[in-house]
Amino acid sequence: MRTWRIWAAALVTVAVAGGVAGTMALQSPTAAEARSLDKEPEVVAHAVESVVFDSVGQMAVTSTAVVRAKVTAAKPGRIVGAEETAEPGEESAATQARDVTLQVTEAYSRNNWYKFPNPITVEEWGWDASGDGYQVNNYSWSEVGKEYLYFLTPTSDPLRWNVISTEGRAAIDEWGYFHSSAEPGSDMAVSIENYDVYSLPFYLRSIYDTKNPPEDMPTPADMPDAPPSGYESGGIATPTAEPTDLGTNDGSEPTPYPSPTAS
């Protein structure tokens, strides 16, 4: 896949930190022609995380909850940046999220505080204004039918959660081993991949037991305040109901942010 870098601070914040729940309002079909959406990402967008975790324990105690879940559906989600525009003559700077539906099978939180209803939704990125798909960093699109471990933070909607960072997901293979979305070889990737689905639950329960914490209890990372986030209605064409493009190698290319021609 092609790669491009996100330097615009606003887009980095949205792409990495996720969003706040609300009612999605898309532009009326009469206002713009429908566009097709890629079925898979064509490029990797490189964004700098505000926090880099050094272990699965630190990420877990910084997160509100950790869930093991199966992806049951994925569909186009909210549009952000629709009121922003790129340089004159360029395409819109708007981007669209993917809403991923999860069937939770195991959940871990402080003293088992959170009881997760089924299903819940997490947000990931995404499509640009032309409908071209992209993923952020090593966080590939979650696939329907597969199982993952997600490190979550809440939104105002109890059914909608955010993944704590692009490092905050691990795919589970058929043998019960984890494959982290963190950079391969990084401290975080090595840490979580030292566990499997049988050993990690014991560790998570121990660090989430506030009455009997382990002696080597990890220290939570300092997270930045959640960015402002909204559901926009202008500046981008209404997507088709379902992704229809074949995706990779279809000849299209998302618009870089910012444009390489911008001064």
C-alpha atoms as a PDB file:
ATOM      1  CA  MET A   1       0.000   0.000   0.000  1.00  0.00           C
ATOM      2  CA  ARG A   2       1.074   3.583  -0.581  1.00  0.00           C
ATOM      3  CA  THR A   3       2.013   5.699   2.396  1.00  0.00           C
ATOM      4  CA  TRP A   4       1.463   9.353   3.180  1.00  0.00           C
ATOM      5  CA  ARG A   5       1.969  11.437   6.274  1.00  0.00           C
ATOM      6  CA  ILE A   6      -0.553  13.405   8.290  1.00  0.00           C
ATOM      7  CA  TRP A   7       1.001  16.640   9.487  1.00  0.00           C
ATOM      8  CA  ALA A   8      -2.169  18.681  10.064  1.00  0.00           C
ATOM      9  CA  ALA A   9      -2.647  18.726  13.849  1.00  0.00           C
ATOM     10  CA  ALA A  10      -6.436  18.615  13.720  1.00  0.00           C
ATOM     11  CA  LEU A  11      -6.496  15.516  11.567  1.00  0.00           C
ATOM     12  CA  VAL A  12      -3.889  13.766  13.694  1.00  0.00           C
ATOM     13  CA  THR A  13      -6.015  14.417  16.779  1.00  0.00           C
ATOM     14  CA  VAL A  14      -9.149  13.038  15.190  1.00  0.00           C
ATOM     15  CA  ALA A  15      -7.518  10.058  13.519  1.00  0.00           C
ATOM     16  CA  VAL A  16      -5.610   8.895  16.555  1.00  0.00           C
ATOM     17  CA  ALA A  17      -7.797   9.850  19.468  1.00  0.00           C
ATOM     18  CA  GLY A  18     -11.185   8.874  18.064  1.00  0.00           C
ATOM     19  CA  GLY A  19     -14.403  10.799  18.555  1.00  0.00           C
ATOM     20  CA  VAL A  20     -17.369  11.547  20.745  1.00  0.00           C
ATOM     21  CA  ALA A  21     -20.646   9.787  20.198  1.00  0.00           C
ATOM     22  CA  GLY A  22     -23.584  11.582  18.669  1.00  0.00           C
ATOM     23  CA  THR A  23     -26.122  11.480  15.880  1.00  0.00           C
ATOM     24  CA  MET A  24     -24.566  11.238  12.454  1.00  0.00           C
ATOM     25  CA  ALA A  25     -25.839  13.813   9.962  1.00  0.00           C
ATOM     26  CA  LEU A  26     -24.771  13.283   6.380  1.00  0.00           C
ATOM     27  CA  GLN A  27     -25.231  15.656   3.509  1.00  0.00           C
ATOM     28  CA  SER A  28     -28.470  15.255   1.587  1.00  0.00           C
ATOM     29  CA  PRO A  29     -28.196  13.086  -1.569  1.00  0.00           C
ATOM     30  CA  THR A  30     -29.574  16.020  -3.525  1.00  0.00           C
ATOM     31  CA  ALA A  31     -26.667  18.194  -2.436  1.00  0.00           C
ATOM     32  CA  ALA A  32     -23.955  16.028  -3.936  1.00  0.00           C
ATOM     33  CA  GLU A  33     -23.628  12.897  -5.999  1.00  0.00           C
ATOM     34  CA  ALA A  34     -23.054   9.664  -4.119  1.00  0.00           C
ATOM     35  CA  ARG A  35     -19.470   8.429  -4.084  1.00  0.00           C
ATOM     36  CA  SER A  36     -18.186   4.889  -3.828  1.00  0.00           C
ATOM     37  CA  LEU A  37     -16.124   3.773  -0.848  1.00  0.00           C
ATOM     38  CA  ASP A  38     -13.163   1.409  -0.984  1.00  0.00           C
ATOM     39  CA  LYS A  39     -13.669  -2.005   0.597  1.00  0.00           C
ATOM     40  CA  GLU A  40     -10.112  -1.973   1.924  1.00  0.00           C
ATOM     41  CA  PRO A  41      -7.457   0.655   2.666  1.00  0.00           C
ATOM     42  CA  GLU A  42      -5.142   1.717  -0.148  1.00  0.00           C
ATOM     43  CA  VAL A  43      -2.644   3.727   1.880  1.00  0.00           C
ATOM     44  CA  VAL A  44      -1.120   3.939   5.341  1.00  0.00           C
ATOM     45  CA  ALA A  45      -1.413   7.360   6.983  1.00  0.00           C
ATOM     46  CA  HIS A  46       1.426   7.989   9.427  1.00  0.00           C
ATOM     47  CA  ALA A  47       0.380   9.951  12.510  1.00  0.00           C
ATOM     48  CA  VAL A  48       2.312  10.696  15.694  1.00  0.00           C
ATOM     49  CA  GLU A  49       0.615   9.284  18.794  1.00  0.00           C
ATOM     50  CA  SER A  50       0.305  11.612  21.785  1.00  0.00           C
ATOM     51  CA  VAL A  51       1.205   8.689  24.080  1.00  0.00           C
ATOM     52  CA  VAL A  52       3.398   5.674  23.321  1.00  0.00           C
ATOM     53  CA  PHE A  53       2.824   2.782  25.717  1.00  0.00           C
ATOM     54  CA  ASP A  54       5.690   0.623  26.923  1.00  0.00           C
ATOM     55  CA  SER A  55       3.736  -2.451  28.040  1.00  0.00           C
ATOM     56  CA  VAL A  56       0.383  -4.161  27.863  1.00  0.00           C
ATOM     57  CA  GLY A  57      -0.008  -3.510  31.586  1.00  0.00           C
ATOM     58  CA  GLN A  58       0.465   0.239  31.234  1.00  0.00           C
ATOM     59  CA  MET A  59      -2.023   0.383  28.361  1.00  0.00           C
ATOM     60  CA  ALA A  60      -4.541  -1.688  30.322  1.00  0.00           C
ATOM     61  CA  VAL A  61      -4.458   0.462  33.470  1.00  0.00           C
ATOM     62  CA  THR A  62      -4.667   3.609  31.332  1.00  0.00           C
ATOM     63  CA  SER A  63      -7.686   2.230  29.478  1.00  0.00           C
ATOM     64  CA  THR A  64     -11.141   2.122  31.039  1.00  0.00           C
ATOM     65  CA  ALA A  65     -11.674  -1.451  29.918  1.00  0.00           C
ATOM     66  CA  VAL A  66     -10.253  -4.220  27.769  1.00  0.00           C
ATOM     67  CA  VAL A  67     -12.555  -6.456  25.754  1.00  0.00           C
ATOM     68  CA  ARG A  68     -12.155  -9.573  23.688  1.00  0.00           C
ATOM     69  CA  ALA A  69     -14.702  -9.359  20.901  1.00  0.00           C
ATOM     70  CA  LYS A  70     -15.749 -10.665  17.515  1.00  0.00           C
ATOM     71  CA  VAL A  71     -16.403  -8.186  14.715  1.00  0.00           C
ATOM     72  CA  THR A  72     -19.914  -8.729  13.394  1.00  0.00           C
ATOM     73  CA  ALA A  73     -20.316  -5.739  11.067  1.00  0.00           C
ATOM     74  CA  ALA A  74     -18.549  -2.646   9.683  1.00  0.00           C
ATOM     75  CA  LYS A  75     -20.184   0.321   7.961  1.00  0.00           C
ATOM     76  CA  PRO A  76     -19.488   3.966   7.064  1.00  0.00           C
ATOM     77  CA  GLY A  77     -19.568   6.206  10.124  1.00  0.00           C
ATOM     78  CA  ARG A  78     -19.333   9.899  10.894  1.00  0.00           C
ATOM     79  CA  ILE A  79     -17.773  12.577   8.736  1.00  0.00           C
ATOM     80  CA  VAL A  80     -15.322  15.024  10.324  1.00  0.00           C
ATOM     81  CA  GLY A  81     -13.653  18.090   8.930  1.00  0.00           C
ATOM     82  CA  ALA A  82     -16.447  18.609   6.449  1.00  0.00           C
ATOM     83  CA  GLU A  83     -16.509  22.351   7.044  1.00  0.00           C
ATOM     84  CA  GLU A  84     -12.757  22.559   6.509  1.00  0.00           C
ATOM     85  CA  THR A  85     -11.364  22.852   3.008  1.00  0.00           C
ATOM     86  CA  ALA A  86      -8.022  22.079   1.488  1.00  0.00           C
ATOM     87  CA  GLU A  87      -6.025  24.618  -0.466  1.00  0.00           C
ATOM     88  CA  PRO A  88      -7.934  26.461  -3.237  1.00  0.00           C
ATOM     89  CA  GLY A  89      -8.610  24.134  -6.121  1.00  0.00           C
ATOM     90  CA  GLU A  90      -7.960  20.991  -4.085  1.00  0.00           C
ATOM     91  CA  GLU A  91     -10.368  18.364  -2.807  1.00  0.00           C
ATOM     92  CA  SER A  92     -12.162  18.632   0.517  1.00  0.00           C
ATOM     93  CA  ALA A  93     -10.113  17.863   3.639  1.00  0.00           C
ATOM     94  CA  ALA A  94     -13.043  15.897   5.081  1.00  0.00           C
ATOM     95  CA  THR A  95     -12.546  12.315   6.204  1.00  0.00           C
ATOM     96  CA  GLN A  96     -14.986   9.576   7.146  1.00  0.00           C
ATOM     97  CA  ALA A  97     -14.793   6.977   9.897  1.00  0.00           C
ATOM     98  CA  ARG A  98     -15.707   3.307   9.936  1.00  0.00           C
ATOM     99  CA  ASP A  99     -18.172   2.081  12.562  1.00  0.00           C
ATOM    100  CA  VAL A 100     -17.175  -1.417  13.691  1.00  0.00           C
ATOM    101  CA  THR A 101     -19.736  -3.507  15.570  1.00  0.00           C
ATOM    102  CA  LEU A 102     -18.380  -5.810  18.278  1.00  0.00           C
ATOM    103  CA  GLN A 103     -19.899  -8.808  20.011  1.00  0.00           C
ATOM    104  CA  VAL A 104     -18.090  -8.820  23.371  1.00  0.00           C
ATOM    105  CA  THR A 105     -17.155 -12.248  24.739  1.00  0.00           C
ATOM    106  CA  GLU A 106     -14.841 -11.215  27.606  1.00  0.00           C
ATOM    107  CA  ALA A 107     -14.472  -7.894  29.412  1.00  0.00           C
ATOM    108  CA  TYR A 108     -11.960  -6.619  31.976  1.00  0.00           C
ATOM    109  CA  SER A 109     -12.188  -3.391  33.985  1.00  0.00           C
ATOM    110  CA  ARG A 110     -11.421  -2.137  37.472  1.00  0.00           C
ATOM    111  CA  ASN A 111     -13.217  -4.472  39.886  1.00  0.00           C
ATOM    112  CA  ASN A 112     -15.385  -5.582  36.916  1.00  0.00           C
ATOM    113  CA  TRP A 113     -17.124  -2.223  37.045  1.00  0.00           C
ATOM    114  CA  TYR A 114     -18.228  -2.141  33.392  1.00  0.00           C
ATOM    115  CA  LYS A 115     -20.855  -4.576  32.182  1.00  0.00           C
ATOM    116  CA  PHE A 116     -20.852  -4.441  28.423  1.00  0.00           C
ATOM    117  CA  PRO A 117     -24.123  -4.682  26.524  1.00  0.00           C
ATOM    118  CA  ASN A 118     -24.012  -6.425  23.176  1.00  0.00           C
ATOM    119  CA  PRO A 119     -23.240  -5.206  20.688  1.00  0.00           C
ATOM    120  CA  ILE A 120     -20.994  -2.162  21.087  1.00  0.00           C
ATOM    121  CA  THR A 121     -19.408   0.021  18.422  1.00  0.00           C
ATOM    122  CA  VAL A 122     -15.843   1.277  18.036  1.00  0.00           C
ATOM    123  CA  GLU A 123     -14.623   3.776  15.485  1.00  0.00           C
ATOM    124  CA  GLU A 124     -11.651   3.469  13.180  1.00  0.00           C
ATOM    125  CA  TRP A 125     -10.364   5.282  10.089  1.00  0.00           C
ATOM    126  CA  GLY A 126     -11.343   5.572   7.337  1.00  0.00           C
ATOM    127  CA  TRP A 127     -12.015   7.126   3.940  1.00  0.00           C
ATOM    128  CA  ASP A 128     -10.963  10.456   2.501  1.00  0.00           C
ATOM    129  CA  ALA A 129     -13.352  12.831   0.730  1.00  0.00           C
ATOM    130  CA  SER A 130     -13.046  10.858  -2.502  1.00  0.00           C
ATOM    131  CA  GLY A 131     -13.958   7.574  -0.835  1.00  0.00           C
ATOM    132  CA  ASP A 132     -10.416   6.202  -0.965  1.00  0.00           C
ATOM    133  CA  GLY A 133      -9.631   3.988   2.014  1.00  0.00           C
ATOM    134  CA  TYR A 134      -6.739   4.483   4.426  1.00  0.00           C
ATOM    135  CA  GLN A 135      -5.541   3.053   7.731  1.00  0.00           C
ATOM    136  CA  VAL A 136      -3.613   4.969  10.398  1.00  0.00           C
ATOM    137  CA  ASN A 137      -0.164   3.645  11.361  1.00  0.00           C
ATOM    138  CA  ASN A 138      -0.130  -0.130  11.853  1.00  0.00           C
ATOM    139  CA  TYR A 139      -3.831  -0.243  12.757  1.00  0.00           C
ATOM    140  CA  SER A 140      -5.350  -2.117   9.810  1.00  0.00           C
ATOM    141  CA  TRP A 141      -9.115  -2.262   9.329  1.00  0.00           C
ATOM    142  CA  SER A 142     -10.857  -4.717  11.658  1.00  0.00           C
ATOM    143  CA  GLU A 143     -12.261  -7.609   9.641  1.00  0.00           C
ATOM    144  CA  VAL A 144     -15.787  -8.968  10.009  1.00  0.00           C
ATOM    145  CA  GLY A 145     -15.723 -12.466  11.481  1.00  0.00           C
ATOM    146  CA  LYS A 146     -12.353 -12.068  13.226  1.00  0.00           C
ATOM    147  CA  GLU A 147     -11.611 -11.810  16.950  1.00  0.00           C
ATOM    148  CA  TYR A 148      -9.593  -9.004  18.502  1.00  0.00           C
ATOM    149  CA  LEU A 149      -8.578  -7.585  21.856  1.00  0.00           C
ATOM    150  CA  TYR A 150      -9.467  -3.880  22.190  1.00  0.00           C
ATOM    151  CA  PHE A 151      -8.204  -1.390  24.800  1.00  0.00           C
ATOM    152  CA  LEU A 152     -11.065   1.068  25.223  1.00  0.00           C
ATOM    153  CA  THR A 153     -12.041   4.483  26.558  1.00  0.00           C
ATOM    154  CA  PRO A 154     -15.692   5.556  26.872  1.00  0.00           C
ATOM    155  CA  THR A 155     -17.749   8.195  25.097  1.00  0.00           C
ATOM    156  CA  SER A 156     -21.010   9.805  26.205  1.00  0.00           C
ATOM    157  CA  ASP A 157     -22.864   6.915  24.556  1.00  0.00           C
ATOM    158  CA  PRO A 158     -22.626   3.641  26.541  1.00  0.00           C
ATOM    159  CA  LEU A 159     -22.822   1.646  23.309  1.00  0.00           C
ATOM    160  CA  ARG A 160     -19.976   3.518  21.605  1.00  0.00           C
ATOM    161  CA  TRP A 161     -16.340   3.281  22.687  1.00  0.00           C
ATOM    162  CA  ASN A 162     -12.992   4.508  21.382  1.00  0.00           C
ATOM    163  CA  VAL A 163      -9.821   2.469  21.018  1.00  0.00           C
ATOM    164  CA  ILE A 164      -7.234   4.186  23.236  1.00  0.00           C
ATOM    165  CA  SER A 165      -4.658   4.566  20.436  1.00  0.00           C
ATOM    166  CA  THR A 166      -3.503   2.969  17.221  1.00  0.00           C
ATOM    167  CA  GLU A 167      -1.505   0.594  19.456  1.00  0.00           C
ATOM    168  CA  GLY A 168      -4.680  -0.427  21.271  1.00  0.00           C
ATOM    169  CA  ARG A 169      -5.829  -3.488  19.360  1.00  0.00           C
ATOM    170  CA  ALA A 170      -4.502  -7.004  18.918  1.00  0.00           C
ATOM    171  CA  ALA A 171      -5.774  -9.601  16.467  1.00  0.00           C
ATOM    172  CA  ILE A 172      -6.264 -13.115  17.838  1.00  0.00           C
ATOM    173  CA  ASP A 173      -5.213 -15.966  15.592  1.00  0.00           C
ATOM    174  CA  GLU A 174      -6.617 -19.493  15.511  1.00  0.00           C
ATOM    175  CA  TRP A 175      -4.052 -20.702  18.063  1.00  0.00           C
ATOM    176  CA  GLY A 176      -4.908 -17.980  20.589  1.00  0.00           C
ATOM    177  CA  TYR A 177      -1.852 -15.773  20.019  1.00  0.00           C
ATOM    178  CA  PHE A 178      -1.993 -11.973  19.791  1.00  0.00           C
ATOM    179  CA  HIS A 179      -0.802  -9.849  16.868  1.00  0.00           C
ATOM    180  CA  SER A 180      -0.504  -6.245  18.024  1.00  0.00           C
ATOM    181  CA  SER A 181      -1.444  -3.138  16.053  1.00  0.00           C
ATOM    182  CA  ALA A 182       1.610  -1.451  17.593  1.00  0.00           C
ATOM    183  CA  GLU A 183       4.741  -1.074  15.500  1.00  0.00           C
ATOM    184  CA  PRO A 184       6.337  -4.530  15.053  1.00  0.00           C
ATOM    185  CA  GLY A 185       9.244  -4.947  17.454  1.00  0.00           C
ATOM    186  CA  SER A 186       8.143  -2.034  19.674  1.00  0.00           C
ATOM    187  CA  ASP A 187       7.970  -2.438  23.456  1.00  0.00           C
ATOM    188  CA  MET A 188       4.182  -2.552  23.316  1.00  0.00           C
ATOM    189  CA  ALA A 189       4.061  -5.157  20.554  1.00  0.00           C
ATOM    190  CA  VAL A 190       6.615  -7.395  22.244  1.00  0.00           C
ATOM    191  CA  SER A 191       4.846  -7.064  25.604  1.00  0.00           C
ATOM    192  CA  ILE A 192       1.380  -8.149  24.460  1.00  0.00           C
ATOM    193  CA  GLU A 193       2.685 -10.826  22.112  1.00  0.00           C
ATOM    194  CA  ASN A 194       4.400 -12.507  25.081  1.00  0.00           C
ATOM    195  CA  TYR A 195       0.901 -13.439  26.267  1.00  0.00           C
ATOM    196  CA  ASP A 196      -1.866 -15.540  24.774  1.00  0.00           C
ATOM    197  CA  VAL A 197      -5.621 -15.734  25.342  1.00  0.00           C
ATOM    198  CA  TYR A 198      -5.072 -18.116  28.272  1.00  0.00           C
ATOM    199  CA  SER A 199      -2.404 -16.210  30.214  1.00  0.00           C
ATOM    200  CA  LEU A 200      -3.405 -12.576  29.614  1.00  0.00           C
ATOM    201  CA  PRO A 201      -6.801 -12.756  31.426  1.00  0.00           C
ATOM    202  CA  PHE A 202      -5.031 -13.690  34.689  1.00  0.00           C
ATOM    203  CA  TYR A 203      -2.761 -10.659  34.385  1.00  0.00           C
ATOM    204  CA  LEU A 204      -5.589  -8.285  33.498  1.00  0.00           C
ATOM    205  CA  ARG A 205      -7.681  -9.451  36.449  1.00  0.00           C
ATOM    206  CA  SER A 206      -4.748  -8.918  38.802  1.00  0.00           C
ATOM    207  CA  ILE A 207      -3.999  -5.339  37.757  1.00  0.00           C
ATOM    208  CA  TYR A 208      -7.706  -4.416  37.705  1.00  0.00           C
ATOM    209  CA  ASP A 209      -8.206  -5.723  41.260  1.00  0.00           C
ATOM    210  CA  THR A 210      -7.812  -2.476  43.195  1.00  0.00           C
ATOM    211  CA  LYS A 211      -8.224  -4.250  46.544  1.00  0.00           C
ATOM    212  CA  ASN A 212      -5.318  -6.613  45.936  1.00  0.00           C
ATOM    213  CA  PRO A 213      -3.033  -4.966  43.371  1.00  0.00           C
ATOM    214  CA  PRO A 214       0.200  -6.734  42.392  1.00  0.00           C
ATOM    215  CA  GLU A 215       3.517  -5.441  43.700  1.00  0.00           C
ATOM    216  CA  ASP A 216       4.624  -4.553  40.183  1.00  0.00           C
ATOM    217  CA  MET A 217       1.454  -2.595  39.424  1.00  0.00           C
ATOM    218  CA  PRO A 218       2.056  -0.532  36.241  1.00  0.00           C
ATOM    219  CA  THR A 219       1.638   3.239  36.327  1.00  0.00           C
ATOM    220  CA  PRO A 220      -1.030   4.712  34.008  1.00  0.00           C
ATOM    221  CA  ALA A 221       0.186   6.985  31.221  1.00  0.00           C
ATOM    222  CA  ASP A 222      -0.810  10.663  31.178  1.00  0.00           C
ATOM    223  CA  MET A 223      -3.398  11.012  28.434  1.00  0.00           C
ATOM    224  CA  PRO A 224      -4.262  14.328  26.750  1.00  0.00           C
ATOM    225  CA  ASP A 225      -7.729  15.797  27.040  1.00  0.00           C
ATOM    226  CA  ALA A 226     -10.233  14.454  24.524  1.00  0.00           C
ATOM    227  CA  PRO A 227     -10.369  16.647  21.414  1.00  0.00           C
ATOM    228  CA  PRO A 228     -13.547  18.471  20.405  1.00  0.00           C
ATOM    229  CA  SER A 229     -15.493  16.419  17.930  1.00  0.00           C
ATOM    230  CA  GLY A 230     -18.677  16.831  15.935  1.00  0.00           C
ATOM    231  CA  TYR A 231     -20.830  15.338  13.267  1.00  0.00           C
ATOM    232  CA  GLU A 232     -20.710  17.522  10.202  1.00  0.00           C
ATOM    233  CA  SER A 233     -23.140  17.794   7.335  1.00  0.00           C
ATOM    234  CA  GLY A 234     -21.433  19.694   4.556  1.00  0.00           C
ATOM    235  CA  GLY A 235     -18.478  19.643   2.215  1.00  0.00           C
ATOM    236  CA  ILE A 236     -18.480  15.977   1.269  1.00  0.00           C
ATOM    237  CA  ALA A 237     -20.633  13.839  -0.985  1.00  0.00           C
ATOM    238  CA  THR A 238     -23.019  11.312   0.518  1.00  0.00           C
ATOM    239  CA  PRO A 239     -21.453   7.850   0.431  1.00  0.00           C
ATOM    240  CA  THR A 240     -23.107   4.843  -1.060  1.00  0.00           C
ATOM    241  CA  ALA A 241     -24.786   2.636   1.532  1.00  0.00           C
ATOM    242  CA  GLU A 242     -22.052   0.010   1.401  1.00  0.00           C
ATOM    243  CA  PRO A 243     -18.439   0.060   0.186  1.00  0.00           C
ATOM    244  CA  THR A 244     -18.474  -1.008  -3.456  1.00  0.00           C
ATOM    245  CA  ASP A 245     -15.031  -0.282  -4.836  1.00  0.00           C
ATOM    246  CA  LEU A 246     -12.557  -3.129  -5.109  1.00  0.00           C
ATOM    247  CA  GLY A 247     -10.057  -1.127  -3.080  1.00  0.00           C
ATOM    248  CA  THR A 248      -6.335  -1.702  -3.512  1.00  0.00           C
ATOM    249  CA  ASN A 249      -4.903  -1.262  -6.998  1.00  0.00           C
ATOM    250  CA  ASP A 250      -8.011   0.421  -8.378  1.00  0.00           C
ATOM    251  CA  GLY A 251      -5.846   3.306  -9.575  1.00  0.00           C
ATOM    252  CA  SER A 252      -7.106   5.940  -7.122  1.00  0.00           C
ATOM    253  CA  GLU A 253      -5.049   7.723  -4.507  1.00  0.00           C
ATOM    254  CA  PRO A 254      -6.220   9.637  -1.423  1.00  0.00           C
ATOM    255  CA  THR A 255      -5.335  13.310  -1.230  1.00  0.00           C
ATOM    256  CA  PRO A 256      -2.310  13.873   1.053  1.00  0.00           C
ATOM    257  CA  TYR A 257      -2.659  16.166   4.088  1.00  0.00           C
ATOM    258  CA  PRO A 258      -1.381  18.726   3.465  1.00  0.00           C
ATOM    259  CA  SER A 259      -1.002  18.710  -0.271  1.00  0.00           C
ATOM    260  CA  PRO A 260       2.623  18.326  -1.417  1.00  0.00           C
ATOM    261  CA  THR A 261       1.994  21.325  -3.660  1.00  0.00           C
ATOM    262  CA  ALA A 262       0.987  23.596  -0.814  1.00  0.00           C
ATOM    263  CA  SER A 263       3.486  26.283   0.071  1.00  0.00           C
END
